[in-house]
């Protein structure tokens, strides 16, 4: 298990958000969705993308917990979908080792 996988498995989010993100993975299109979520013209590798997505999701989670007026549940779900999908395509660590 990589450090990214450990980090993602340790996240605690409301069940409804996680369930929506799991269901949304079937519609995930890396090219389209990463460009939109990261506001980037070039699509980075999965590790770089995941680092960015995790940081942005943490900010959104803090905004959700604080009851911020700018919180967007749709964007939060989109970020969780992308995080789950990017974690799936990470290169696998050699057996028994973590990256």
PDB file of N, CA and C in Angstrom:
ATOM      1  N   UNK A   1       0.853  -1.177   0.000  1.00  0.00           N
ATOM      2  CA  UNK A   1       0.000   0.000   0.000  1.00  0.00           C
ATOM      3  C   UNK A   1       0.900   1.242   0.000  1.00  0.00           C
ATOM      4  N   UNK A   2       0.623   2.168  -0.927  1.00  0.00           N
ATOM      5  CA  UNK A   2       1.438   3.377  -1.004  1.00  0.00           C
ATOM      6  C   UNK A   2       0.993   4.384   0.044  1.00  0.00           C
ATOM      7  N   UNK A   3       1.812   5.400   0.211  1.00  0.00           N
ATOM      8  CA  UNK A   3       1.463   6.467   1.157  1.00  0.00           C
ATOM      9  C   UNK A   3       0.155   7.145   0.758  1.00  0.00           C
ATOM     10  N   UNK A   4      -0.066   7.314  -0.552  1.00  0.00           N
ATOM     11  CA  UNK A   4      -1.313   7.910  -1.012  1.00  0.00           C
ATOM     12  C   UNK A   4      -2.498   7.041  -0.619  1.00  0.00           C
ATOM     13  N   UNK A   5      -2.361   5.742  -0.795  1.00  0.00           N
ATOM     14  CA  UNK A   5      -3.456   4.835  -0.436  1.00  0.00           C
ATOM     15  C   UNK A   5      -3.727   4.882   1.066  1.00  0.00           C
ATOM     16  N   UNK A   6      -2.678   4.939   1.851  1.00  0.00           N
ATOM     17  CA  UNK A   6      -2.842   5.045   3.307  1.00  0.00           C
ATOM     18  C   UNK A   6      -3.566   6.338   3.674  1.00  0.00           C
ATOM     19  N   UNK A   7      -3.134   7.416   3.064  1.00  0.00           N
ATOM     20  CA  UNK A   7      -3.744   8.714   3.346  1.00  0.00           C
ATOM     21  C   UNK A   7      -5.225   8.709   2.977  1.00  0.00           C
ATOM     22  N   UNK A   8      -5.541   8.206   1.812  1.00  0.00           N
ATOM     23  CA  UNK A   8      -6.931   8.191   1.372  1.00  0.00           C
ATOM     24  C   UNK A   8      -7.790   7.270   2.229  1.00  0.00           C
ATOM     25  N   UNK A   9      -7.229   6.152   2.642  1.00  0.00           N
ATOM     26  CA  UNK A   9      -8.019   5.237   3.470  1.00  0.00           C
ATOM     27  C   UNK A   9      -8.223   5.781   4.889  1.00  0.00           C
ATOM     28  N   UNK A  10      -7.387   6.724   5.292  1.00  0.00           N
ATOM     29  CA  UNK A  10      -7.538   7.295   6.634  1.00  0.00           C
ATOM     30  C   UNK A  10      -8.475   8.504   6.664  1.00  0.00           C
ATOM     31  N   UNK A  11      -8.867   9.001   5.491  1.00  0.00           N
ATOM     32  CA  UNK A  11      -9.788  10.141   5.453  1.00  0.00           C
ATOM     33  C   UNK A  11     -11.145   9.742   6.016  1.00  0.00           C
ATOM     34  N   UNK A  12     -11.736  10.622   6.760  1.00  0.00           N
ATOM     35  CA  UNK A  12     -13.068  10.399   7.316  1.00  0.00           C
ATOM     36  C   UNK A  12     -13.989  11.485   6.785  1.00  0.00           C
ATOM     37  N   UNK A  13     -14.868  11.081   5.896  1.00  0.00           N
ATOM     38  CA  UNK A  13     -15.820  12.009   5.291  1.00  0.00           C
ATOM     39  C   UNK A  13     -17.226  11.444   5.465  1.00  0.00           C
ATOM     40  N   UNK A  14     -18.243  12.301   5.374  1.00  0.00           N
ATOM     41  CA  UNK A  14     -19.614  11.820   5.500  1.00  0.00           C
ATOM     42  C   UNK A  14     -19.919  10.719   4.473  1.00  0.00           C
ATOM     43  N   UNK A  15     -20.667   9.724   4.918  1.00  0.00           N
ATOM     44  CA  UNK A  15     -20.982   8.580   4.053  1.00  0.00           C
ATOM     45  C   UNK A  15     -21.632   8.987   2.746  1.00  0.00           C
ATOM     46  N   UNK A  16     -22.492   9.974   2.796  1.00  0.00           N
ATOM     47  CA  UNK A  16     -23.189  10.403   1.594  1.00  0.00           C
ATOM     48  C   UNK A  16     -22.210  10.940   0.540  1.00  0.00           C
ATOM     49  N   UNK A  17     -21.214  11.706   0.979  1.00  0.00           N
ATOM     50  CA  UNK A  17     -20.198  12.207   0.042  1.00  0.00           C
ATOM     51  C   UNK A  17     -19.414  11.056  -0.567  1.00  0.00           C
ATOM     52  N   UNK A  18     -18.994  10.119   0.262  1.00  0.00           N
ATOM     53  CA  UNK A  18     -18.198   8.986  -0.216  1.00  0.00           C
ATOM     54  C   UNK A  18     -19.018   8.116  -1.162  1.00  0.00           C
ATOM     55  N   UNK A  19     -20.256   7.868  -0.801  1.00  0.00           N
ATOM     56  CA  UNK A  19     -21.125   7.038  -1.658  1.00  0.00           C
ATOM     57  C   UNK A  19     -21.328   7.700  -3.017  1.00  0.00           C
ATOM     58  N   UNK A  20     -21.584   9.000  -3.024  1.00  0.00           N
ATOM     59  CA  UNK A  20     -21.765   9.731  -4.282  1.00  0.00           C
ATOM     60  C   UNK A  20     -20.491   9.669  -5.124  1.00  0.00           C
ATOM     61  N   UNK A  21     -19.348   9.805  -4.478  1.00  0.00           N
ATOM     62  CA  UNK A  21     -18.079   9.752  -5.204  1.00  0.00           C
ATOM     63  C   UNK A  21     -17.839   8.367  -5.788  1.00  0.00           C
ATOM     64  N   UNK A  22     -18.137   7.335  -5.043  1.00  0.00           N
ATOM     65  CA  UNK A  22     -17.967   5.966  -5.566  1.00  0.00           C
ATOM     66  C   UNK A  22     -18.844   5.744  -6.782  1.00  0.00           C
ATOM     67  N   UNK A  23     -20.081   6.200  -6.703  1.00  0.00           N
ATOM     68  CA  UNK A  23     -20.994   6.032  -7.833  1.00  0.00           C
ATOM     69  C   UNK A  23     -20.556   6.851  -9.047  1.00  0.00           C
ATOM     70  N   UNK A  24     -19.945   7.983  -8.798  1.00  0.00           N
ATOM     71  CA  UNK A  24     -19.518   8.847  -9.891  1.00  0.00           C
ATOM     72  C   UNK A  24     -18.262   8.409 -10.611  1.00  0.00           C
ATOM     73  N   UNK A  25     -17.544   7.459 -10.069  1.00  0.00           N
ATOM     74  CA  UNK A  25     -16.291   7.025 -10.694  1.00  0.00           C
ATOM     75  C   UNK A  25     -16.488   6.443 -12.089  1.00  0.00           C
ATOM     76  N   UNK A  26     -17.646   5.842 -12.346  1.00  0.00           N
ATOM     77  CA  UNK A  26     -17.876   5.233 -13.658  1.00  0.00           C
ATOM     78  C   UNK A  26     -17.927   6.286 -14.766  1.00  0.00           C
ATOM     79  N   UNK A  27     -18.218   7.537 -14.416  1.00  0.00           N
ATOM     80  CA  UNK A  27     -18.286   8.616 -15.400  1.00  0.00           C
ATOM     81  C   UNK A  27     -16.999   9.439 -15.468  1.00  0.00           C
ATOM     82  N   UNK A  28     -16.002   9.081 -14.670  1.00  0.00           N
ATOM     83  CA  UNK A  28     -14.764   9.864 -14.605  1.00  0.00           C
ATOM     84  C   UNK A  28     -14.005   9.769 -15.921  1.00  0.00           C
ATOM     85  N   UNK A  29     -13.646  10.916 -16.448  1.00  0.00           N
ATOM     86  CA  UNK A  29     -12.830  11.012 -17.652  1.00  0.00           C
ATOM     87  C   UNK A  29     -11.615  11.845 -17.276  1.00  0.00           C
ATOM     88  N   UNK A  30     -10.482  11.202 -17.197  1.00  0.00           N
ATOM     89  CA  UNK A  30      -9.270  11.845 -16.690  1.00  0.00           C
ATOM     90  C   UNK A  30      -8.933  13.125 -17.453  1.00  0.00           C
ATOM     91  N   UNK A  31      -8.962  13.063 -18.760  1.00  0.00           N
ATOM     92  CA  UNK A  31      -8.597  14.225 -19.577  1.00  0.00           C
ATOM     93  C   UNK A  31      -9.536  15.390 -19.318  1.00  0.00           C
ATOM     94  N   UNK A  32     -10.799  15.142 -19.388  1.00  0.00           N
ATOM     95  CA  UNK A  32     -11.792  16.203 -19.210  1.00  0.00           C
ATOM     96  C   UNK A  32     -11.831  16.708 -17.765  1.00  0.00           C
ATOM     97  N   UNK A  33     -11.915  15.779 -16.824  1.00  0.00           N
ATOM     98  CA  UNK A  33     -12.161  16.168 -15.436  1.00  0.00           C
ATOM     99  C   UNK A  33     -10.946  16.782 -14.749  1.00  0.00           C
ATOM    100  N   UNK A  34      -9.757  16.259 -15.012  1.00  0.00           N
ATOM    101  CA  UNK A  34      -8.574  16.862 -14.376  1.00  0.00           C
ATOM    102  C   UNK A  34      -8.321  18.270 -14.883  1.00  0.00           C
ATOM    103  N   UNK A  35      -8.522  18.481 -16.185  1.00  0.00           N
ATOM    104  CA  UNK A  35      -8.348  19.839 -16.713  1.00  0.00           C
ATOM    105  C   UNK A  35      -9.273  20.814 -15.998  1.00  0.00           C
ATOM    106  N   UNK A  36     -10.508  20.398 -15.819  1.00  0.00           N
ATOM    107  CA  UNK A  36     -11.501  21.265 -15.178  1.00  0.00           C
ATOM    108  C   UNK A  36     -11.199  21.447 -13.692  1.00  0.00           C
ATOM    109  N   UNK A  37     -10.937  20.365 -12.986  1.00  0.00           N
ATOM    110  CA  UNK A  37     -10.721  20.449 -11.539  1.00  0.00           C
ATOM    111  C   UNK A  37      -9.423  21.164 -11.174  1.00  0.00           C
ATOM    112  N   UNK A  38      -8.388  20.935 -11.956  1.00  0.00           N
ATOM    113  CA  UNK A  38      -7.096  21.534 -11.641  1.00  0.00           C
ATOM    114  C   UNK A  38      -6.884  22.854 -12.374  1.00  0.00           C
ATOM    115  N   UNK A  39      -7.809  23.189 -13.261  1.00  0.00           N
ATOM    116  CA  UNK A  39      -7.686  24.412 -14.069  1.00  0.00           C
ATOM    117  C   UNK A  39      -6.330  24.443 -14.763  1.00  0.00           C
ATOM    118  N   UNK A  40      -6.024  23.341 -15.436  1.00  0.00           N
ATOM    119  CA  UNK A  40      -4.715  23.203 -16.075  1.00  0.00           C
ATOM    120  C   UNK A  40      -4.878  22.820 -17.537  1.00  0.00           C
ATOM    121  N   UNK A  41      -3.938  23.244 -18.356  1.00  0.00           N
ATOM    122  CA  UNK A  41      -3.984  22.858 -19.770  1.00  0.00           C
ATOM    123  C   UNK A  41      -3.282  21.516 -19.989  1.00  0.00           C
ATOM    124  N   UNK A  42      -2.285  21.225 -19.168  1.00  0.00           N
ATOM    125  CA  UNK A  42      -1.562  19.954 -19.249  1.00  0.00           C
ATOM    126  C   UNK A  42      -2.033  19.032 -18.132  1.00  0.00           C
ATOM    127  N   UNK A  43      -2.219  17.776 -18.460  1.00  0.00           N
ATOM    128  CA  UNK A  43      -2.641  16.815 -17.445  1.00  0.00           C
ATOM    129  C   UNK A  43      -1.388  16.208 -16.815  1.00  0.00           C
ATOM    130  N   UNK A  44      -1.254  16.355 -15.498  1.00  0.00           N
ATOM    131  CA  UNK A  44      -0.069  15.809 -14.822  1.00  0.00           C
ATOM    132  C   UNK A  44      -0.202  14.297 -14.606  1.00  0.00           C
ATOM    133  N   UNK A  45       0.873  13.696 -14.154  1.00  0.00           N
ATOM    134  CA  UNK A  45       0.845  12.290 -13.789  1.00  0.00           C
ATOM    135  C   UNK A  45      -0.040  12.083 -12.578  1.00  0.00           C
ATOM    136  N   UNK A  46      -0.394  10.831 -12.300  1.00  0.00           N
ATOM    137  CA  UNK A  46      -1.312  10.575 -11.191  1.00  0.00           C
ATOM    138  C   UNK A  46      -0.799  11.021  -9.828  1.00  0.00           C
ATOM    139  N   UNK A  47       0.492  10.914  -9.570  1.00  0.00           N
ATOM    140  CA  UNK A  47       1.022  11.332  -8.260  1.00  0.00           C
ATOM    141  C   UNK A  47       0.915  12.837  -8.078  1.00  0.00           C
ATOM    142  N   UNK A  48       1.281  13.595  -9.103  1.00  0.00           N
ATOM    143  CA  UNK A  48       1.186  15.053  -9.040  1.00  0.00           C
ATOM    144  C   UNK A  48      -0.269  15.484  -8.927  1.00  0.00           C
ATOM    145  N   UNK A  49      -1.121  14.863  -9.728  1.00  0.00           N
ATOM    146  CA  UNK A  49      -2.544  15.199  -9.688  1.00  0.00           C
ATOM    147  C   UNK A  49      -3.121  14.897  -8.312  1.00  0.00           C
ATOM    148  N   UNK A  50      -2.782  13.750  -7.764  1.00  0.00           N
ATOM    149  CA  UNK A  50      -3.322  13.359  -6.466  1.00  0.00           C
ATOM    150  C   UNK A  50      -2.855  14.301  -5.360  1.00  0.00           C
ATOM    151  N   UNK A  51      -1.616  14.740  -5.410  1.00  0.00           N
ATOM    152  CA  UNK A  51      -1.110  15.697  -4.428  1.00  0.00           C
ATOM    153  C   UNK A  51      -1.927  16.986  -4.467  1.00  0.00           C
ATOM    154  N   UNK A  52      -2.181  17.483  -5.666  1.00  0.00           N
ATOM    155  CA  UNK A  52      -2.974  18.704  -5.831  1.00  0.00           C
ATOM    156  C   UNK A  52      -4.414  18.494  -5.368  1.00  0.00           C
ATOM    157  N   UNK A  53      -5.006  17.384  -5.772  1.00  0.00           N
ATOM    158  CA  UNK A  53      -6.401  17.104  -5.423  1.00  0.00           C
ATOM    159  C   UNK A  53      -6.591  16.955  -3.916  1.00  0.00           C
ATOM    160  N   UNK A  54      -5.655  16.283  -3.264  1.00  0.00           N
ATOM    161  CA  UNK A  54      -5.739  16.089  -1.810  1.00  0.00           C
ATOM    162  C   UNK A  54      -5.677  17.437  -1.093  1.00  0.00           C
ATOM    163  N   UNK A  55      -4.783  18.308  -1.540  1.00  0.00           N
ATOM    164  CA  UNK A  55      -4.656  19.630  -0.915  1.00  0.00           C
ATOM    165  C   UNK A  55      -5.933  20.447  -1.104  1.00  0.00           C
ATOM    166  N   UNK A  56      -6.475  20.420  -2.299  1.00  0.00           N
ATOM    167  CA  UNK A  56      -7.693  21.196  -2.556  1.00  0.00           C
ATOM    168  C   UNK A  56      -8.890  20.615  -1.808  1.00  0.00           C
ATOM    169  N   UNK A  57      -8.970  19.291  -1.731  1.00  0.00           N
ATOM    170  CA  UNK A  57     -10.071  18.662  -1.007  1.00  0.00           C
ATOM    171  C   UNK A  57     -10.002  18.991   0.481  1.00  0.00           C
ATOM    172  N   UNK A  58      -8.800  19.071   1.035  1.00  0.00           N
ATOM    173  CA  UNK A  58      -8.640  19.419   2.450  1.00  0.00           C
ATOM    174  C   UNK A  58      -9.173  20.825   2.723  1.00  0.00           C
ATOM    175  N   UNK A  59      -8.920  21.748   1.808  1.00  0.00           N
ATOM    176  CA  UNK A  59      -9.457  23.105   1.959  1.00  0.00           C
ATOM    177  C   UNK A  59     -10.983  23.096   1.898  1.00  0.00           C
ATOM    178  N   UNK A  60     -11.519  22.324   0.975  1.00  0.00           N
ATOM    179  CA  UNK A  60     -12.963  22.229   0.847  1.00  0.00           C
ATOM    180  C   UNK A  60     -13.594  21.580   2.073  1.00  0.00           C
ATOM    181  N   UNK A  61     -12.931  20.568   2.619  1.00  0.00           N
ATOM    182  CA  UNK A  61     -13.422  19.901   3.830  1.00  0.00           C
ATOM    183  C   UNK A  61     -13.437  20.877   5.007  1.00  0.00           C
ATOM    184  N   UNK A  62     -12.400  21.680   5.121  1.00  0.00           N
ATOM    185  CA  UNK A  62     -12.361  22.686   6.192  1.00  0.00           C
ATOM    186  C   UNK A  62     -13.494  23.686   6.024  1.00  0.00           C
ATOM    187  N   UNK A  63     -13.754  24.084   4.782  1.00  0.00           N
ATOM    188  CA  UNK A  63     -14.852  25.008   4.503  1.00  0.00           C
ATOM    189  C   UNK A  63     -16.201  24.367   4.841  1.00  0.00           C
ATOM    190  N   UNK A  64     -16.357  23.077   4.526  1.00  0.00           N
ATOM    191  CA  UNK A  64     -17.597  22.362   4.843  1.00  0.00           C
ATOM    192  C   UNK A  64     -17.823  22.330   6.350  1.00  0.00           C
ATOM    193  N   UNK A  65     -16.770  21.972   7.079  1.00  0.00           N
ATOM    194  CA  UNK A  65     -16.892  21.875   8.538  1.00  0.00           C
ATOM    195  C   UNK A  65     -17.182  23.226   9.189  1.00  0.00           C
ATOM    196  N   UNK A  66     -16.654  24.287   8.595  1.00  0.00           N
ATOM    197  CA  UNK A  66     -16.860  25.630   9.143  1.00  0.00           C
ATOM    198  C   UNK A  66     -18.206  26.222   8.721  1.00  0.00           C
ATOM    199  N   UNK A  67     -18.895  25.534   7.804  1.00  0.00           N
ATOM    200  CA  UNK A  67     -20.178  26.059   7.331  1.00  0.00           C
ATOM    201  C   UNK A  67     -20.011  27.248   6.416  1.00  0.00           C
ATOM    202  N   UNK A  68     -18.912  27.259   5.663  1.00  0.00           N
ATOM    203  CA  UNK A  68     -18.613  28.380   4.783  1.00  0.00           C
ATOM    204  C   UNK A  68     -19.650  28.581   3.690  1.00  0.00           C
ATOM    205  N   UNK A  69     -19.919  29.821   3.376  1.00  0.00           N
ATOM    206  CA  UNK A  69     -20.913  30.152   2.358  1.00  0.00           C
ATOM    207  C   UNK A  69     -20.451  29.778   0.955  1.00  0.00           C
ATOM    208  N   UNK A  70     -19.156  29.640   0.755  1.00  0.00           N
ATOM    209  CA  UNK A  70     -18.641  29.323  -0.576  1.00  0.00           C
ATOM    210  C   UNK A  70     -18.480  27.823  -0.806  1.00  0.00           C
ATOM    211  N   UNK A  71     -18.826  27.007   0.181  1.00  0.00           N
ATOM    212  CA  UNK A  71     -18.683  25.561   0.056  1.00  0.00           C
ATOM    213  C   UNK A  71     -19.574  25.030  -1.070  1.00  0.00           C
ATOM    214  N   UNK A  72     -18.992  24.164  -1.908  1.00  0.00           N
ATOM    215  CA  UNK A  72     -19.737  23.547  -3.004  1.00  0.00           C
ATOM    216  C   UNK A  72     -19.694  22.032  -2.843  1.00  0.00           C
ATOM    217  N   UNK A  73     -20.846  21.443  -2.552  1.00  0.00           N
ATOM    218  CA  UNK A  73     -20.902  20.001  -2.390  1.00  0.00           C
ATOM    219  C   UNK A  73     -20.597  19.303  -3.724  1.00  0.00           C
ATOM    220  N   UNK A  74     -21.007  19.899  -4.834  1.00  0.00           N
ATOM    221  CA  UNK A  74     -20.737  19.300  -6.146  1.00  0.00           C
ATOM    222  C   UNK A  74     -19.232  19.250  -6.419  1.00  0.00           C
ATOM    223  N   UNK A  75     -18.533  20.316  -6.130  1.00  0.00           N
ATOM    224  CA  UNK A  75     -17.080  20.326  -6.336  1.00  0.00           C
ATOM    225  C   UNK A  75     -16.403  19.339  -5.385  1.00  0.00           C
ATOM    226  N   UNK A  76     -16.891  19.238  -4.164  1.00  0.00           N
ATOM    227  CA  UNK A  76     -16.320  18.308  -3.203  1.00  0.00           C
ATOM    228  C   UNK A  76     -16.452  16.877  -3.721  1.00  0.00           C
ATOM    229  N   UNK A  77     -17.617  16.530  -4.219  1.00  0.00           N
ATOM    230  CA  UNK A  77     -17.814  15.191  -4.771  1.00  0.00           C
ATOM    231  C   UNK A  77     -16.924  14.979  -5.984  1.00  0.00           C
ATOM    232  N   UNK A  78     -16.822  15.978  -6.859  1.00  0.00           N
ATOM    233  CA  UNK A  78     -15.944  15.859  -8.032  1.00  0.00           C
ATOM    234  C   UNK A  78     -14.498  15.614  -7.615  1.00  0.00           C
ATOM    235  N   UNK A  79     -14.036  16.315  -6.599  1.00  0.00           N
ATOM    236  CA  UNK A  79     -12.664  16.113  -6.119  1.00  0.00           C
ATOM    237  C   UNK A  79     -12.483  14.708  -5.538  1.00  0.00           C
ATOM    238  N   UNK A  80     -13.454  14.243  -4.781  1.00  0.00           N
ATOM    239  CA  UNK A  80     -13.360  12.889  -4.218  1.00  0.00           C
ATOM    240  C   UNK A  80     -13.366  11.835  -5.317  1.00  0.00           C
ATOM    241  N   UNK A  81     -14.187  12.028  -6.346  1.00  0.00           N
ATOM    242  CA  UNK A  81     -14.198  11.105  -7.488  1.00  0.00           C
ATOM    243  C   UNK A  81     -12.815  11.048  -8.119  1.00  0.00           C
ATOM    244  N   UNK A  82     -12.246  12.218  -8.393  1.00  0.00           N
ATOM    245  CA  UNK A  82     -10.933  12.283  -9.027  1.00  0.00           C
ATOM    246  C   UNK A  82      -9.858  11.661  -8.139  1.00  0.00           C
ATOM    247  N   UNK A  83      -9.923  11.911  -6.838  1.00  0.00           N
ATOM    248  CA  UNK A  83      -8.934  11.330  -5.922  1.00  0.00           C
ATOM    249  C   UNK A  83      -9.004   9.806  -5.949  1.00  0.00           C
ATOM    250  N   UNK A  84     -10.203   9.263  -5.898  1.00  0.00           N
ATOM    251  CA  UNK A  84     -10.359   7.810  -5.924  1.00  0.00           C
ATOM    252  C   UNK A  84      -9.861   7.225  -7.243  1.00  0.00           C
ATOM    253  N   UNK A  85     -10.211   7.870  -8.333  1.00  0.00           N
ATOM    254  CA  UNK A  85      -9.808   7.377  -9.655  1.00  0.00           C
ATOM    255  C   UNK A  85      -8.293   7.471  -9.855  1.00  0.00           C
ATOM    256  N   UNK A  86      -7.699   8.571  -9.433  1.00  0.00           N
ATOM    257  CA  UNK A  86      -6.251   8.731  -9.586  1.00  0.00           C
ATOM    258  C   UNK A  86      -5.494   7.733  -8.713  1.00  0.00           C
ATOM    259  N   UNK A  87      -6.004   7.453  -7.533  1.00  0.00           N
ATOM    260  CA  UNK A  87      -5.358   6.474  -6.659  1.00  0.00           C
ATOM    261  C   UNK A  87      -5.354   5.091  -7.309  1.00  0.00           C
ATOM    262  N   UNK A  88      -6.382   4.795  -8.079  1.00  0.00           N
ATOM    263  CA  UNK A  88      -6.451   3.492  -8.744  1.00  0.00           C
ATOM    264  C   UNK A  88      -5.403   3.321  -9.834  1.00  0.00           C
ATOM    265  N   UNK A  89      -4.987   4.425 -10.447  1.00  0.00           N
ATOM    266  CA  UNK A  89      -4.025   4.296 -11.544  1.00  0.00           C
ATOM    267  C   UNK A  89      -2.586   4.574 -11.120  1.00  0.00           C
ATOM    268  N   UNK A  90      -2.370   4.789  -9.843  1.00  0.00           N
ATOM    269  CA  UNK A  90      -0.999   4.968  -9.356  1.00  0.00           C
ATOM    270  C   UNK A  90      -0.174   3.721  -9.658  1.00  0.00           C
ATOM    271  N   UNK A  91       1.097   3.904  -9.968  1.00  0.00           N
ATOM    272  CA  UNK A  91       1.950   2.729 -10.131  1.00  0.00           C
ATOM    273  C   UNK A  91       1.975   1.941  -8.826  1.00  0.00           C
ATOM    274  N   UNK A  92       1.905   0.652  -8.932  1.00  0.00           N
ATOM    275  CA  UNK A  92       1.914  -0.198  -7.745  1.00  0.00           C
ATOM    276  C   UNK A  92       3.336  -0.334  -7.218  1.00  0.00           C
ATOM    277  N   UNK A  93       3.461  -0.273  -5.916  1.00  0.00           N
ATOM    278  CA  UNK A  93       4.770  -0.453  -5.273  1.00  0.00           C
ATOM    279  C   UNK A  93       5.168  -1.924  -5.377  1.00  0.00           C
ATOM    280  N   UNK A  94       6.451  -2.197  -5.419  1.00  0.00           N
ATOM    281  CA  UNK A  94       6.885  -3.599  -5.393  1.00  0.00           C
ATOM    282  C   UNK A  94       6.320  -4.295  -4.166  1.00  0.00           C
ATOM    283  N   UNK A  95       6.079  -5.571  -4.268  1.00  0.00           N
ATOM    284  CA  UNK A  95       5.451  -6.348  -3.194  1.00  0.00           C
ATOM    285  C   UNK A  95       6.197  -6.130  -1.888  1.00  0.00           C
ATOM    286  N   UNK A  96       5.437  -5.789  -0.863  1.00  0.00           N
ATOM    287  CA  UNK A  96       6.002  -5.672   0.476  1.00  0.00           C
ATOM    288  C   UNK A  96       6.675  -4.348   0.777  1.00  0.00           C
ATOM    289  N   UNK A  97       6.726  -3.442  -0.183  1.00  0.00           N
ATOM    290  CA  UNK A  97       7.362  -2.154   0.052  1.00  0.00           C
ATOM    291  C   UNK A  97       6.385  -1.039  -0.234  1.00  0.00           C
ATOM    292  N   UNK A  98       6.600   0.092   0.406  1.00  0.00           N
ATOM    293  CA  UNK A  98       5.802   1.266   0.111  1.00  0.00           C
ATOM    294  C   UNK A  98       6.701   2.304  -0.552  1.00  0.00           C
ATOM    295  N   UNK A  99       6.058   3.167  -1.286  1.00  0.00           N
ATOM    296  CA  UNK A  99       6.818   4.206  -1.990  1.00  0.00           C
ATOM    297  C   UNK A  99       7.010   5.396  -1.086  1.00  0.00           C
TER     298      UNK A  99
END
